[in-house]
Amino acid sequence: MSRKSMYSFKQKKWAVEQYLSENMSAVEIARRLNMPGKYGRDQVTVWVHQYQSNQDAFLSNAKHNAHYSKEFKEKVVQEYLNGNSSLFSLANKYGIRSRNTVFKVGG
């Protein structure tokens, strides 16, 4: 089954460009894209960090949910437990689209 993102690649890229060029704050961008409250601001900053780490690949919409091997999950969890990285930096490092996925893997 395919996935449909609420925001297109074009919208995400525009949001990142506006934020990085300091034309608009994350709150203003979220409002412009009709994103709800605190979630919107946080989501814009997530897109910015993802873009800075992995450029356009992260902003494109996934067609399917990713599947990770047991070994991969253990590696990520161990790195987190060792205190080497935050959930967010691990997600970026390993190309995981969401820091929540990293959190779920460890839980």
C-alpha atoms as a PDB file:
ATOM      1  CA  MET A   1       0.000   0.000   0.000  1.00  0.00           C
ATOM      2  CA  SER A   2       1.386   3.419  -0.872  1.00  0.00           C
ATOM      3  CA  ARG A   3       1.579   6.388   1.466  1.00  0.00           C
ATOM      4  CA  LYS A   4       0.385   9.917   0.906  1.00  0.00           C
ATOM      5  CA  SER A   5       2.124  12.771   2.639  1.00  0.00           C
ATOM      6  CA  MET A   6       0.100  15.739   3.798  1.00  0.00           C
ATOM      7  CA  TYR A   7       2.711  18.051   2.269  1.00  0.00           C
ATOM      8  CA  SER A   8       4.262  17.832  -1.168  1.00  0.00           C
ATOM      9  CA  PHE A   9       7.961  17.899  -1.921  1.00  0.00           C
ATOM     10  CA  LYS A  10       7.467  21.393  -3.340  1.00  0.00           C
ATOM     11  CA  GLN A  11       5.854  22.642  -0.110  1.00  0.00           C
ATOM     12  CA  LYS A  12       8.561  21.102   2.063  1.00  0.00           C
ATOM     13  CA  LYS A  13      11.358  22.527  -0.052  1.00  0.00           C
ATOM     14  CA  TRP A  14       9.712  25.970  -0.030  1.00  0.00           C
ATOM     15  CA  ALA A  15       9.392  25.803   3.763  1.00  0.00           C
ATOM     16  CA  VAL A  16      13.052  24.846   4.177  1.00  0.00           C
ATOM     17  CA  GLU A  17      14.221  27.567   1.797  1.00  0.00           C
ATOM     18  CA  GLN A  18      12.145  30.216   3.581  1.00  0.00           C
ATOM     19  CA  TYR A  19      13.497  29.160   6.954  1.00  0.00           C
ATOM     20  CA  LEU A  20      17.150  28.900   5.907  1.00  0.00           C
ATOM     21  CA  SER A  21      17.082  32.249   4.113  1.00  0.00           C
ATOM     22  CA  GLU A  22      15.510  33.743   7.255  1.00  0.00           C
ATOM     23  CA  ASN A  23      12.568  35.100   5.264  1.00  0.00           C
ATOM     24  CA  MET A  24      10.094  33.473   7.646  1.00  0.00           C
ATOM     25  CA  SER A  25      10.097  31.810  11.049  1.00  0.00           C
ATOM     26  CA  ALA A  26       8.999  28.206  11.535  1.00  0.00           C
ATOM     27  CA  VAL A  27       5.772  29.498  13.087  1.00  0.00           C
ATOM     28  CA  GLU A  28       5.028  31.726  10.071  1.00  0.00           C
ATOM     29  CA  ILE A  29       5.769  28.903   7.646  1.00  0.00           C
ATOM     30  CA  ALA A  30       3.538  26.506   9.588  1.00  0.00           C
ATOM     31  CA  ARG A  31       0.720  29.046   9.542  1.00  0.00           C
ATOM     32  CA  ARG A  32       1.122  29.568   5.793  1.00  0.00           C
ATOM     33  CA  LEU A  33       0.898  25.797   5.230  1.00  0.00           C
ATOM     34  CA  ASN A  34      -2.099  25.509   7.597  1.00  0.00           C
ATOM     35  CA  MET A  35      -0.176  23.255   9.960  1.00  0.00           C
ATOM     36  CA  PRO A  36      -1.690  22.899  13.430  1.00  0.00           C
ATOM     37  CA  GLY A  37      -0.066  24.704  16.386  1.00  0.00           C
ATOM     38  CA  LYS A  38       3.146  23.474  17.940  1.00  0.00           C
ATOM     39  CA  TYR A  39       3.194  20.445  15.619  1.00  0.00           C
ATOM     40  CA  GLY A  40       3.597  22.717  12.612  1.00  0.00           C
ATOM     41  CA  ARG A  41       6.540  24.635  14.016  1.00  0.00           C
ATOM     42  CA  ASP A  42       8.239  21.429  15.110  1.00  0.00           C
ATOM     43  CA  GLN A  43       7.623  19.754  11.748  1.00  0.00           C
ATOM     44  CA  VAL A  44       9.190  22.657   9.853  1.00  0.00           C
ATOM     45  CA  THR A  45      12.334  22.447  11.984  1.00  0.00           C
ATOM     46  CA  VAL A  46      12.458  18.669  11.436  1.00  0.00           C
ATOM     47  CA  TRP A  47      12.329  19.231   7.664  1.00  0.00           C
ATOM     48  CA  VAL A  48      15.150  21.766   7.949  1.00  0.00           C
ATOM     49  CA  HIS A  49      17.384  19.386   9.911  1.00  0.00           C
ATOM     50  CA  GLN A  50      16.592  16.520   7.564  1.00  0.00           C
ATOM     51  CA  TYR A  51      17.383  18.677   4.565  1.00  0.00           C
ATOM     52  CA  GLN A  52      20.677  19.811   6.060  1.00  0.00           C
ATOM     53  CA  SER A  53      21.665  16.199   6.723  1.00  0.00           C
ATOM     54  CA  ASN A  54      20.424  14.458   3.604  1.00  0.00           C
ATOM     55  CA  GLN A  55      19.397  17.176   1.183  1.00  0.00           C
ATOM     56  CA  ASP A  56      16.425  16.523  -1.101  1.00  0.00           C
ATOM     57  CA  ALA A  57      16.215  12.762  -0.502  1.00  0.00           C
ATOM     58  CA  PHE A  58      14.651  13.296   2.908  1.00  0.00           C
ATOM     59  CA  LEU A  59      12.031  15.730   1.715  1.00  0.00           C
ATOM     60  CA  SER A  60      10.650  13.443  -0.968  1.00  0.00           C
ATOM     61  CA  ASN A  61       7.587  11.443  -0.053  1.00  0.00           C
ATOM     62  CA  ALA A  62       8.075   7.781   0.789  1.00  0.00           C
ATOM     63  CA  LYS A  63       6.088   5.370  -1.329  1.00  0.00           C
ATOM     64  CA  HIS A  64       6.116   2.586   1.285  1.00  0.00           C
ATOM     65  CA  ASN A  65       6.975   2.098   4.939  1.00  0.00           C
ATOM     66  CA  ALA A  66      10.610   1.202   5.470  1.00  0.00           C
ATOM     67  CA  HIS A  67      11.557  -2.140   6.974  1.00  0.00           C
ATOM     68  CA  TYR A  68      14.681  -2.592   9.070  1.00  0.00           C
ATOM     69  CA  SER A  69      16.546  -5.792   9.917  1.00  0.00           C
ATOM     70  CA  LYS A  70      16.926  -6.955  13.503  1.00  0.00           C
ATOM     71  CA  GLU A  71      20.693  -6.328  13.280  1.00  0.00           C
ATOM     72  CA  PHE A  72      20.167  -2.778  12.052  1.00  0.00           C
ATOM     73  CA  LYS A  73      17.699  -2.048  14.852  1.00  0.00           C
ATOM     74  CA  GLU A  74      20.088  -3.426  17.454  1.00  0.00           C
ATOM     75  CA  LYS A  75      22.913  -1.305  16.076  1.00  0.00           C
ATOM     76  CA  VAL A  76      20.840   1.891  16.281  1.00  0.00           C
ATOM     77  CA  VAL A  77      19.531   1.082  19.767  1.00  0.00           C
ATOM     78  CA  GLN A  78      23.019   0.277  21.041  1.00  0.00           C
ATOM     79  CA  GLU A  79      24.376   3.539  19.673  1.00  0.00           C
ATOM     80  CA  TYR A  80      21.575   5.426  21.405  1.00  0.00           C
ATOM     81  CA  LEU A  81      22.061   3.577  24.702  1.00  0.00           C
ATOM     82  CA  ASN A  82      25.791   4.314  24.593  1.00  0.00           C
ATOM     83  CA  GLY A  83      24.840   7.990  24.633  1.00  0.00           C
ATOM     84  CA  ASN A  84      26.684   8.725  21.383  1.00  0.00           C
ATOM     85  CA  SER A  85      23.748  10.343  19.619  1.00  0.00           C
ATOM     86  CA  SER A  86      20.293  11.794  20.041  1.00  0.00           C
ATOM     87  CA  LEU A  87      17.222  10.211  18.462  1.00  0.00           C
ATOM     88  CA  PHE A  88      17.181  12.962  15.890  1.00  0.00           C
ATOM     89  CA  SER A  89      20.839  12.647  14.904  1.00  0.00           C
ATOM     90  CA  LEU A  90      20.536   8.858  14.660  1.00  0.00           C
ATOM     91  CA  ALA A  91      17.524   9.213  12.373  1.00  0.00           C
ATOM     92  CA  ASN A  92      19.503  11.542  10.112  1.00  0.00           C
ATOM     93  CA  LYS A  93      22.675   9.463  10.246  1.00  0.00           C
ATOM     94  CA  TYR A  94      20.946   6.250   9.194  1.00  0.00           C
ATOM     95  CA  GLY A  95      18.407   7.733   6.782  1.00  0.00           C
ATOM     96  CA  ILE A  96      15.421   7.013   8.999  1.00  0.00           C
ATOM     97  CA  ARG A  97      12.671   9.430   8.092  1.00  0.00           C
ATOM     98  CA  SER A  98      11.430  10.081  11.627  1.00  0.00           C
ATOM     99  CA  ARG A  99      13.062  10.294  15.023  1.00  0.00           C
ATOM    100  CA  ASN A 100       9.894   8.641  16.361  1.00  0.00           C
ATOM    101  CA  THR A 101      10.840   5.529  14.404  1.00  0.00           C
ATOM    102  CA  VAL A 102      14.154   5.432  16.233  1.00  0.00           C
ATOM    103  CA  PHE A 103      12.299   5.819  19.519  1.00  0.00           C
ATOM    104  CA  LYS A 104       9.918   2.946  18.649  1.00  0.00           C
ATOM    105  CA  VAL A 105      12.802   0.671  17.662  1.00  0.00           C
ATOM    106  CA  GLY A 106      14.265   1.074  21.132  1.00  0.00           C
ATOM    107  CA  GLY A 107      10.964   0.661  22.927  1.00  0.00           C
END
